[in-house]
Amino acid sequence: MEFVWDPDKSAKNAKERGLPFDRTIELDWSAAQIIETRYAAVAPLHGRLHVVYMIRGDKRRIISFRKANEIEEQAYEKANAARDAP
């Protein structure tokens, strides 16, 4: 299994919690239990695309909210074009 992460976020986590993301490689993944699934949604707000990371269940629990980057905007446009194609 390949592990990837944002090096800046890993450094921030190491500073704040003493746990750089590369330590996750040491986890016993065979014993892991998935306790939540996160979803990302890209949607417009006042003419600008935004990304929301959430946990879905009976409610949408918002865990992150930010402006979409260029790659996410392109993915949004591509998905809309595919949906609208005959």
PDB file of N, CA and C in Angstrom:
ATOM      1  N   MET A   1       0.856  -1.172   0.000  1.00  0.00           N
ATOM      2  CA  MET A   1       0.000   0.000   0.000  1.00  0.00           C
ATOM      3  C   MET A   1       0.901   1.235   0.000  1.00  0.00           C
ATOM      4  N   GLU A   2       0.569   2.180  -0.837  1.00  0.00           N
ATOM      5  CA  GLU A   2       1.332   3.424  -0.912  1.00  0.00           C
ATOM      6  C   GLU A   2       0.724   4.464   0.034  1.00  0.00           C
ATOM      7  N   PHE A   3       1.580   5.182   0.710  1.00  0.00           N
ATOM      8  CA  PHE A   3       1.157   6.250   1.604  1.00  0.00           C
ATOM      9  C   PHE A   3       1.601   7.582   1.016  1.00  0.00           C
ATOM     10  N   VAL A   4       0.716   8.551   1.000  1.00  0.00           N
ATOM     11  CA  VAL A   4       1.048   9.891   0.516  1.00  0.00           C
ATOM     12  C   VAL A   4       0.452  10.915   1.476  1.00  0.00           C
ATOM     13  N   TRP A   5       1.121  12.078   1.567  1.00  0.00           N
ATOM     14  CA  TRP A   5       0.622  13.159   2.417  1.00  0.00           C
ATOM     15  C   TRP A   5       1.284  14.453   2.027  1.00  0.00           C
ATOM     16  N   ASP A   6       0.735  15.519   2.544  1.00  0.00           N
ATOM     17  CA  ASP A   6       1.282  16.852   2.345  1.00  0.00           C
ATOM     18  C   ASP A   6       2.417  17.037   3.367  1.00  0.00           C
ATOM     19  N   PRO A   7       3.649  17.263   2.884  1.00  0.00           N
ATOM     20  CA  PRO A   7       4.780  17.407   3.819  1.00  0.00           C
ATOM     21  C   PRO A   7       4.600  18.555   4.807  1.00  0.00           C
ATOM     22  N   ASP A   8       3.993  19.647   4.372  1.00  0.00           N
ATOM     23  CA  ASP A   8       3.775  20.781   5.277  1.00  0.00           C
ATOM     24  C   ASP A   8       2.803  20.411   6.394  1.00  0.00           C
ATOM     25  N   LYS A   9       1.732  19.690   6.040  1.00  0.00           N
ATOM     26  CA  LYS A   9       0.768  19.270   7.062  1.00  0.00           C
ATOM     27  C   LYS A   9       1.411  18.267   8.024  1.00  0.00           C
ATOM     28  N   SER A  10       2.276  17.403   7.469  1.00  0.00           N
ATOM     29  CA  SER A  10       2.981  16.448   8.320  1.00  0.00           C
ATOM     30  C   SER A  10       3.876  17.181   9.317  1.00  0.00           C
ATOM     31  N   ALA A  11       4.593  18.188   8.831  1.00  0.00           N
ATOM     32  CA  ALA A  11       5.473  18.963   9.717  1.00  0.00           C
ATOM     33  C   ALA A  11       4.660  19.685  10.790  1.00  0.00           C
ATOM     34  N   LYS A  12       3.530  20.240  10.409  1.00  0.00           N
ATOM     35  CA  LYS A  12       2.669  20.930  11.378  1.00  0.00           C
ATOM     36  C   LYS A  12       2.151  19.946  12.433  1.00  0.00           C
ATOM     37  N   ASN A  13       1.737  18.759  11.976  1.00  0.00           N
ATOM     38  CA  ASN A  13       1.245  17.751  12.902  1.00  0.00           C
ATOM     39  C   ASN A  13       2.363  17.277  13.843  1.00  0.00           C
ATOM     40  N   ALA A  14       3.575  17.146  13.293  1.00  0.00           N
ATOM     41  CA  ALA A  14       4.723  16.744  14.117  1.00  0.00           C
ATOM     42  C   ALA A  14       4.998  17.787  15.189  1.00  0.00           C
ATOM     43  N   LYS A  15       4.919  19.047  14.809  1.00  0.00           N
ATOM     44  CA  LYS A  15       5.177  20.130  15.764  1.00  0.00           C
ATOM     45  C   LYS A  15       4.087  20.193  16.837  1.00  0.00           C
ATOM     46  N   GLU A  16       2.831  20.071  16.417  1.00  0.00           N
ATOM     47  CA  GLU A  16       1.717  20.223  17.347  1.00  0.00           C
ATOM     48  C   GLU A  16       1.450  18.975  18.183  1.00  0.00           C
ATOM     49  N   ARG A  17       1.675  17.790  17.589  1.00  0.00           N
ATOM     50  CA  ARG A  17       1.282  16.555  18.262  1.00  0.00           C
ATOM     51  C   ARG A  17       2.423  15.554  18.446  1.00  0.00           C
ATOM     52  N   GLY A  18       3.586  15.865  17.878  1.00  0.00           N
ATOM     53  CA  GLY A  18       4.698  14.935  17.976  1.00  0.00           C
ATOM     54  C   GLY A  18       4.536  13.708  17.095  1.00  0.00           C
ATOM     55  N   LEU A  19       3.674  13.802  16.071  1.00  0.00           N
ATOM     56  CA  LEU A  19       3.387  12.670  15.204  1.00  0.00           C
ATOM     57  C   LEU A  19       3.471  13.066  13.738  1.00  0.00           C
ATOM     58  N   PRO A  20       4.635  12.935  13.111  1.00  0.00           N
ATOM     59  CA  PRO A  20       4.706  13.181  11.678  1.00  0.00           C
ATOM     60  C   PRO A  20       3.945  12.076  10.942  1.00  0.00           C
ATOM     61  N   PHE A  21       3.409  12.401   9.773  1.00  0.00           N
ATOM     62  CA  PHE A  21       2.567  11.451   9.047  1.00  0.00           C
ATOM     63  C   PHE A  21       3.315  10.188   8.635  1.00  0.00           C
ATOM     64  N   ASP A  22       4.629  10.233   8.477  1.00  0.00           N
ATOM     65  CA  ASP A  22       5.351   9.026   8.072  1.00  0.00           C
ATOM     66  C   ASP A  22       5.279   7.927   9.135  1.00  0.00           C
ATOM     67  N   ARG A  23       4.932   8.276  10.349  1.00  0.00           N
ATOM     68  CA  ARG A  23       4.763   7.272  11.407  1.00  0.00           C
ATOM     69  C   ARG A  23       3.554   6.376  11.151  1.00  0.00           C
ATOM     70  N   THR A  24       2.614   6.816  10.310  1.00  0.00           N
ATOM     71  CA  THR A  24       1.437   5.980  10.026  1.00  0.00           C
ATOM     72  C   THR A  24       1.831   4.677   9.337  1.00  0.00           C
ATOM     73  N   ILE A  25       2.987   4.647   8.706  1.00  0.00           N
ATOM     74  CA  ILE A  25       3.474   3.427   8.067  1.00  0.00           C
ATOM     75  C   ILE A  25       3.691   2.338   9.110  1.00  0.00           C
ATOM     76  N   GLU A  26       3.995   2.734  10.340  1.00  0.00           N
ATOM     77  CA  GLU A  26       4.263   1.796  11.424  1.00  0.00           C
ATOM     78  C   GLU A  26       2.996   1.180  12.021  1.00  0.00           C
ATOM     79  N   LEU A  27       1.825   1.732  11.705  1.00  0.00           N
ATOM     80  CA  LEU A  27       0.576   1.212  12.267  1.00  0.00           C
ATOM     81  C   LEU A  27       0.332  -0.227  11.823  1.00  0.00           C
ATOM     82  N   ASP A  28      -0.343  -0.992  12.653  1.00  0.00           N
ATOM     83  CA  ASP A  28      -0.751  -2.351  12.285  1.00  0.00           C
ATOM     84  C   ASP A  28      -2.060  -2.236  11.498  1.00  0.00           C
ATOM     85  N   TRP A  29      -1.926  -2.031  10.199  1.00  0.00           N
ATOM     86  CA  TRP A  29      -3.091  -1.801   9.349  1.00  0.00           C
ATOM     87  C   TRP A  29      -3.997  -3.019   9.257  1.00  0.00           C
ATOM     88  N   SER A  30      -3.477  -4.215   9.525  1.00  0.00           N
ATOM     89  CA  SER A  30      -4.331  -5.408   9.489  1.00  0.00           C
ATOM     90  C   SER A  30      -5.338  -5.399  10.634  1.00  0.00           C
ATOM     91  N   ALA A  31      -5.057  -4.635  11.673  1.00  0.00           N
ATOM     92  CA  ALA A  31      -5.961  -4.534  12.816  1.00  0.00           C
ATOM     93  C   ALA A  31      -6.798  -3.249  12.784  1.00  0.00           C
ATOM     94  N   ALA A  32      -6.653  -2.454  11.730  1.00  0.00           N
ATOM     95  CA  ALA A  32      -7.365  -1.168  11.654  1.00  0.00           C
ATOM     96  C   ALA A  32      -8.856  -1.375  11.462  1.00  0.00           C
ATOM     97  N   GLN A  33      -9.624  -0.500  12.063  1.00  0.00           N
ATOM     98  CA  GLN A  33     -11.074  -0.460  11.883  1.00  0.00           C
ATOM     99  C   GLN A  33     -11.432   0.897  11.311  1.00  0.00           C
ATOM    100  N   ILE A  34     -12.136   0.923  10.198  1.00  0.00           N
ATOM    101  CA  ILE A  34     -12.586   2.179   9.602  1.00  0.00           C
ATOM    102  C   ILE A  34     -13.803   2.641  10.399  1.00  0.00           C
ATOM    103  N   ILE A  35     -13.674   3.789  11.049  1.00  0.00           N
ATOM    104  CA  ILE A  35     -14.769   4.257  11.909  1.00  0.00           C
ATOM    105  C   ILE A  35     -15.543   5.409  11.288  1.00  0.00           C
ATOM    106  N   GLU A  36     -14.995   5.995  10.229  1.00  0.00           N
ATOM    107  CA  GLU A  36     -15.733   7.031   9.531  1.00  0.00           C
ATOM    108  C   GLU A  36     -15.225   7.132   8.105  1.00  0.00           C
ATOM    109  N   THR A  37     -16.106   7.547   7.225  1.00  0.00           N
ATOM    110  CA  THR A  37     -15.760   7.770   5.829  1.00  0.00           C
ATOM    111  C   THR A  37     -15.971   9.236   5.537  1.00  0.00           C
ATOM    112  N   ARG A  38     -14.974   9.837   4.898  1.00  0.00           N
ATOM    113  CA  ARG A  38     -15.070  11.258   4.572  1.00  0.00           C
ATOM    114  C   ARG A  38     -15.371  11.431   3.098  1.00  0.00           C
ATOM    115  N   TYR A  39     -16.138  12.430   2.810  1.00  0.00           N
ATOM    116  CA  TYR A  39     -16.514  12.758   1.441  1.00  0.00           C
ATOM    117  C   TYR A  39     -16.093  14.186   1.150  1.00  0.00           C
ATOM    118  N   ALA A  40     -15.743  14.412  -0.088  1.00  0.00           N
ATOM    119  CA  ALA A  40     -15.441  15.773  -0.531  1.00  0.00           C
ATOM    120  C   ALA A  40     -16.500  16.173  -1.535  1.00  0.00           C
ATOM    121  N   ALA A  41     -16.996  17.365  -1.395  1.00  0.00           N
ATOM    122  CA  ALA A  41     -17.969  17.916  -2.333  1.00  0.00           C
ATOM    123  C   ALA A  41     -17.451  19.259  -2.823  1.00  0.00           C
ATOM    124  N   VAL A  42     -17.622  19.501  -4.117  1.00  0.00           N
ATOM    125  CA  VAL A  42     -17.258  20.791  -4.696  1.00  0.00           C
ATOM    126  C   VAL A  42     -18.561  21.425  -5.159  1.00  0.00           C
ATOM    127  N   ALA A  43     -18.808  22.644  -4.719  1.00  0.00           N
ATOM    128  CA  ALA A  43     -20.070  23.311  -5.045  1.00  0.00           C
ATOM    129  C   ALA A  43     -19.862  24.821  -5.077  1.00  0.00           C
ATOM    130  N   PRO A  44     -20.683  25.504  -5.886  1.00  0.00           N
ATOM    131  CA  PRO A  44     -20.542  26.961  -5.963  1.00  0.00           C
ATOM    132  C   PRO A  44     -21.184  27.676  -4.776  1.00  0.00           C
ATOM    133  N   LEU A  45     -20.573  28.790  -4.425  1.00  0.00           N
ATOM    134  CA  LEU A  45     -21.105  29.698  -3.415  1.00  0.00           C
ATOM    135  C   LEU A  45     -20.750  31.104  -3.864  1.00  0.00           C
ATOM    136  N   HIS A  46     -21.735  31.898  -4.167  1.00  0.00           N
ATOM    137  CA  HIS A  46     -21.538  33.274  -4.623  1.00  0.00           C
ATOM    138  C   HIS A  46     -20.558  33.360  -5.792  1.00  0.00           C
ATOM    139  N   GLY A  47     -20.727  32.460  -6.776  1.00  0.00           N
ATOM    140  CA  GLY A  47     -19.931  32.506  -7.988  1.00  0.00           C
ATOM    141  C   GLY A  47     -18.534  31.923  -7.886  1.00  0.00           C
ATOM    142  N   ARG A  48     -18.179  31.334  -6.754  1.00  0.00           N
ATOM    143  CA  ARG A  48     -16.841  30.756  -6.564  1.00  0.00           C
ATOM    144  C   ARG A  48     -17.011  29.335  -6.060  1.00  0.00           C
ATOM    145  N   LEU A  49     -16.232  28.380  -6.611  1.00  0.00           N
ATOM    146  CA  LEU A  49     -16.324  27.005  -6.151  1.00  0.00           C
ATOM    147  C   LEU A  49     -15.617  26.833  -4.812  1.00  0.00           C
ATOM    148  N   HIS A  50     -16.205  26.015  -3.974  1.00  0.00           N
ATOM    149  CA  HIS A  50     -15.654  25.704  -2.662  1.00  0.00           C
ATOM    150  C   HIS A  50     -15.647  24.194  -2.465  1.00  0.00           C
ATOM    151  N   VAL A  51     -14.767  23.730  -1.596  1.00  0.00           N
ATOM    152  CA  VAL A  51     -14.671  22.318  -1.263  1.00  0.00           C
ATOM    153  C   VAL A  51     -15.083  22.141   0.192  1.00  0.00           C
ATOM    154  N   VAL A  52     -15.923  21.151   0.410  1.00  0.00           N
ATOM    155  CA  VAL A  52     -16.354  20.802   1.755  1.00  0.00           C
ATOM    156  C   VAL A  52     -15.975  19.354   1.991  1.00  0.00           C
ATOM    157  N   TYR A  53     -15.264  19.079   3.063  1.00  0.00           N
ATOM    158  CA  TYR A  53     -15.016  17.703   3.479  1.00  0.00           C
ATOM    159  C   TYR A  53     -15.982  17.410   4.608  1.00  0.00           C
ATOM    160  N   MET A  54     -16.649  16.277   4.485  1.00  0.00           N
ATOM    161  CA  MET A  54     -17.694  15.989   5.456  1.00  0.00           C
ATOM    162  C   MET A  54     -17.801  14.500   5.704  1.00  0.00           C
ATOM    163  N   ILE A  55     -18.481  14.193   6.758  1.00  0.00           N
ATOM    164  CA  ILE A  55     -18.845  12.828   7.088  1.00  0.00           C
ATOM    165  C   ILE A  55     -20.352  12.744   6.885  1.00  0.00           C
ATOM    166  N   ARG A  56     -20.770  11.758   6.116  1.00  0.00           N
ATOM    167  CA  ARG A  56     -22.194  11.657   5.819  1.00  0.00           C
ATOM    168  C   ARG A  56     -22.839  10.565   6.652  1.00  0.00           C
ATOM    169  N   GLY A  57     -23.998  10.837   7.067  1.00  0.00           N
ATOM    170  CA  GLY A  57     -24.838   9.909   7.804  1.00  0.00           C
ATOM    171  C   GLY A  57     -26.219  10.523   7.726  1.00  0.00           C
ATOM    172  N   ASP A  58     -26.908  10.549   8.831  1.00  0.00           N
ATOM    173  CA  ASP A  58     -28.189  11.227   8.856  1.00  0.00           C
ATOM    174  C   ASP A  58     -28.006  12.734   8.708  1.00  0.00           C
ATOM    175  N   LYS A  59     -26.823  13.213   9.094  1.00  0.00           N
ATOM    176  CA  LYS A  59     -26.494  14.631   9.000  1.00  0.00           C
ATOM    177  C   LYS A  59     -25.193  14.775   8.234  1.00  0.00           C
ATOM    178  N   ARG A  60     -24.939  15.933   7.703  1.00  0.00           N
ATOM    179  CA  ARG A  60     -23.664  16.225   7.064  1.00  0.00           C
ATOM    180  C   ARG A  60     -22.805  16.990   8.055  1.00  0.00           C
ATOM    181  N   ARG A  61     -21.856  16.305   8.606  1.00  0.00           N
ATOM    182  CA  ARG A  61     -20.953  16.917   9.591  1.00  0.00           C
ATOM    183  C   ARG A  61     -19.795  17.546   8.837  1.00  0.00           C
ATOM    184  N   ILE A  62     -19.702  18.867   8.880  1.00  0.00           N
ATOM    185  CA  ILE A  62     -18.670  19.601   8.166  1.00  0.00           C
ATOM    186  C   ILE A  62     -17.368  19.526   8.955  1.00  0.00           C
ATOM    187  N   ILE A  63     -16.299  19.090   8.285  1.00  0.00           N
ATOM    188  CA  ILE A  63     -15.014  18.991   8.964  1.00  0.00           C
ATOM    189  C   ILE A  63     -13.958  19.859   8.303  1.00  0.00           C
ATOM    190  N   SER A  64     -14.254  20.417   7.122  1.00  0.00           N
ATOM    191  CA  SER A  64     -13.342  21.330   6.454  1.00  0.00           C
ATOM    192  C   SER A  64     -14.129  22.086   5.394  1.00  0.00           C
ATOM    193  N   PHE A  65     -13.738  23.344   5.155  1.00  0.00           N
ATOM    194  CA  PHE A  65     -14.437  24.196   4.183  1.00  0.00           C
ATOM    195  C   PHE A  65     -13.442  25.217   3.675  1.00  0.00           C
ATOM    196  N   ARG A  66     -13.250  25.238   2.348  1.00  0.00           N
ATOM    197  CA  ARG A  66     -12.278  26.161   1.774  1.00  0.00           C
ATOM    198  C   ARG A  66     -12.606  26.405   0.314  1.00  0.00           C
ATOM    199  N   LYS A  67     -11.954  27.390  -0.278  1.00  0.00           N
ATOM    200  CA  LYS A  67     -12.104  27.652  -1.705  1.00  0.00           C
ATOM    201  C   LYS A  67     -11.442  26.536  -2.494  1.00  0.00           C
ATOM    202  N   ALA A  68     -12.058  26.166  -3.608  1.00  0.00           N
ATOM    203  CA  ALA A  68     -11.513  25.121  -4.468  1.00  0.00           C
ATOM    204  C   ALA A  68     -10.261  25.624  -5.181  1.00  0.00           C
ATOM    205  N   ASN A  69      -9.320  24.708  -5.403  1.00  0.00           N
ATOM    206  CA  ASN A  69      -8.142  25.075  -6.176  1.00  0.00           C
ATOM    207  C   ASN A  69      -8.404  24.786  -7.661  1.00  0.00           C
ATOM    208  N   GLU A  70      -7.453  25.113  -8.507  1.00  0.00           N
ATOM    209  CA  GLU A  70      -7.636  24.996  -9.948  1.00  0.00           C
ATOM    210  C   GLU A  70      -7.912  23.545 -10.377  1.00  0.00           C
ATOM    211  N   ILE A  71      -7.224  22.608  -9.798  1.00  0.00           N
ATOM    212  CA  ILE A  71      -7.434  21.197 -10.145  1.00  0.00           C
ATOM    213  C   ILE A  71      -8.847  20.759  -9.772  1.00  0.00           C
ATOM    214  N   GLU A  72      -9.313  21.167  -8.610  1.00  0.00           N
ATOM    215  CA  GLU A  72     -10.672  20.823  -8.172  1.00  0.00           C
ATOM    216  C   GLU A  72     -11.718  21.489  -9.052  1.00  0.00           C
ATOM    217  N   GLU A  73     -11.452  22.728  -9.473  1.00  0.00           N
ATOM    218  CA  GLU A  73     -12.373  23.418 -10.386  1.00  0.00           C
ATOM    219  C   GLU A  73     -12.462  22.675 -11.718  1.00  0.00           C
ATOM    220  N   GLN A  74     -11.329  22.210 -12.228  1.00  0.00           N
ATOM    221  CA  GLN A  74     -11.318  21.467 -13.488  1.00  0.00           C
ATOM    222  C   GLN A  74     -12.076  20.149 -13.349  1.00  0.00           C
ATOM    223  N   ALA A  75     -11.891  19.466 -12.237  1.00  0.00           N
ATOM    224  CA  ALA A  75     -12.607  18.215 -11.995  1.00  0.00           C
ATOM    225  C   ALA A  75     -14.113  18.456 -11.926  1.00  0.00           C
ATOM    226  N   TYR A  76     -14.508  19.554 -11.310  1.00  0.00           N
ATOM    227  CA  TYR A  76     -15.922  19.913 -11.206  1.00  0.00           C
ATOM    228  C   TYR A  76     -16.515  20.146 -12.596  1.00  0.00           C
ATOM    229  N   GLU A  77     -15.801  20.915 -13.414  1.00  0.00           N
ATOM    230  CA  GLU A  77     -16.286  21.210 -14.769  1.00  0.00           C
ATOM    231  C   GLU A  77     -16.361  19.939 -15.607  1.00  0.00           C
ATOM    232  N   LYS A  78     -15.372  19.065 -15.491  1.00  0.00           N
ATOM    233  CA  LYS A  78     -15.357  17.804 -16.238  1.00  0.00           C
ATOM    234  C   LYS A  78     -16.533  16.921 -15.815  1.00  0.00           C
ATOM    235  N   ALA A  79     -16.795  16.835 -14.516  1.00  0.00           N
ATOM    236  CA  ALA A  79     -17.913  16.030 -14.027  1.00  0.00           C
ATOM    237  C   ALA A  79     -19.243  16.602 -14.505  1.00  0.00           C
ATOM    238  N   ASN A  80     -19.381  17.916 -14.514  1.00  0.00           N
ATOM    239  CA  ASN A  80     -20.617  18.529 -15.011  1.00  0.00           C
ATOM    240  C   ASN A  80     -20.803  18.264 -16.483  1.00  0.00           C
ATOM    241  N   ALA A  81     -19.722  18.358 -17.274  1.00  0.00           N
ATOM    242  CA  ALA A  81     -19.806  18.119 -18.706  1.00  0.00           C
ATOM    243  C   ALA A  81     -20.218  16.670 -18.976  1.00  0.00           C
ATOM    244  N   ALA A  82     -19.660  15.724 -18.227  1.00  0.00           N
ATOM    245  CA  ALA A  82     -20.004  14.307 -18.396  1.00  0.00           C
ATOM    246  C   ALA A  82     -21.457  14.049 -18.021  1.00  0.00           C
ATOM    247  N   ARG A  83     -21.911  14.701 -16.968  1.00  0.00           N
ATOM    248  CA  ARG A  83     -23.302  14.531 -16.524  1.00  0.00           C
ATOM    249  C   ARG A  83     -24.286  15.081 -17.541  1.00  0.00           C
ATOM    250  N   ASP A  84     -23.924  16.213 -18.186  1.00  0.00           N
ATOM    251  CA  ASP A  84     -24.823  16.876 -19.129  1.00  0.00           C
ATOM    252  C   ASP A  84     -24.736  16.317 -20.540  1.00  0.00           C
ATOM    253  N   ALA A  85     -23.759  15.426 -20.797  1.00  0.00           N
ATOM    254  CA  ALA A  85     -23.604  14.867 -22.155  1.00  0.00           C
ATOM    255  C   ALA A  85     -24.783  13.943 -22.472  1.00  0.00           C
ATOM    256  N   PRO A  86     -25.200  13.937 -23.744  1.00  0.00           N
ATOM    257  CA  PRO A  86     -26.333  13.057 -24.124  1.00  0.00           C
ATOM    258  C   PRO A  86     -26.014  11.595 -24.025  1.00  0.00           C
TER     259      PRO A  86
END
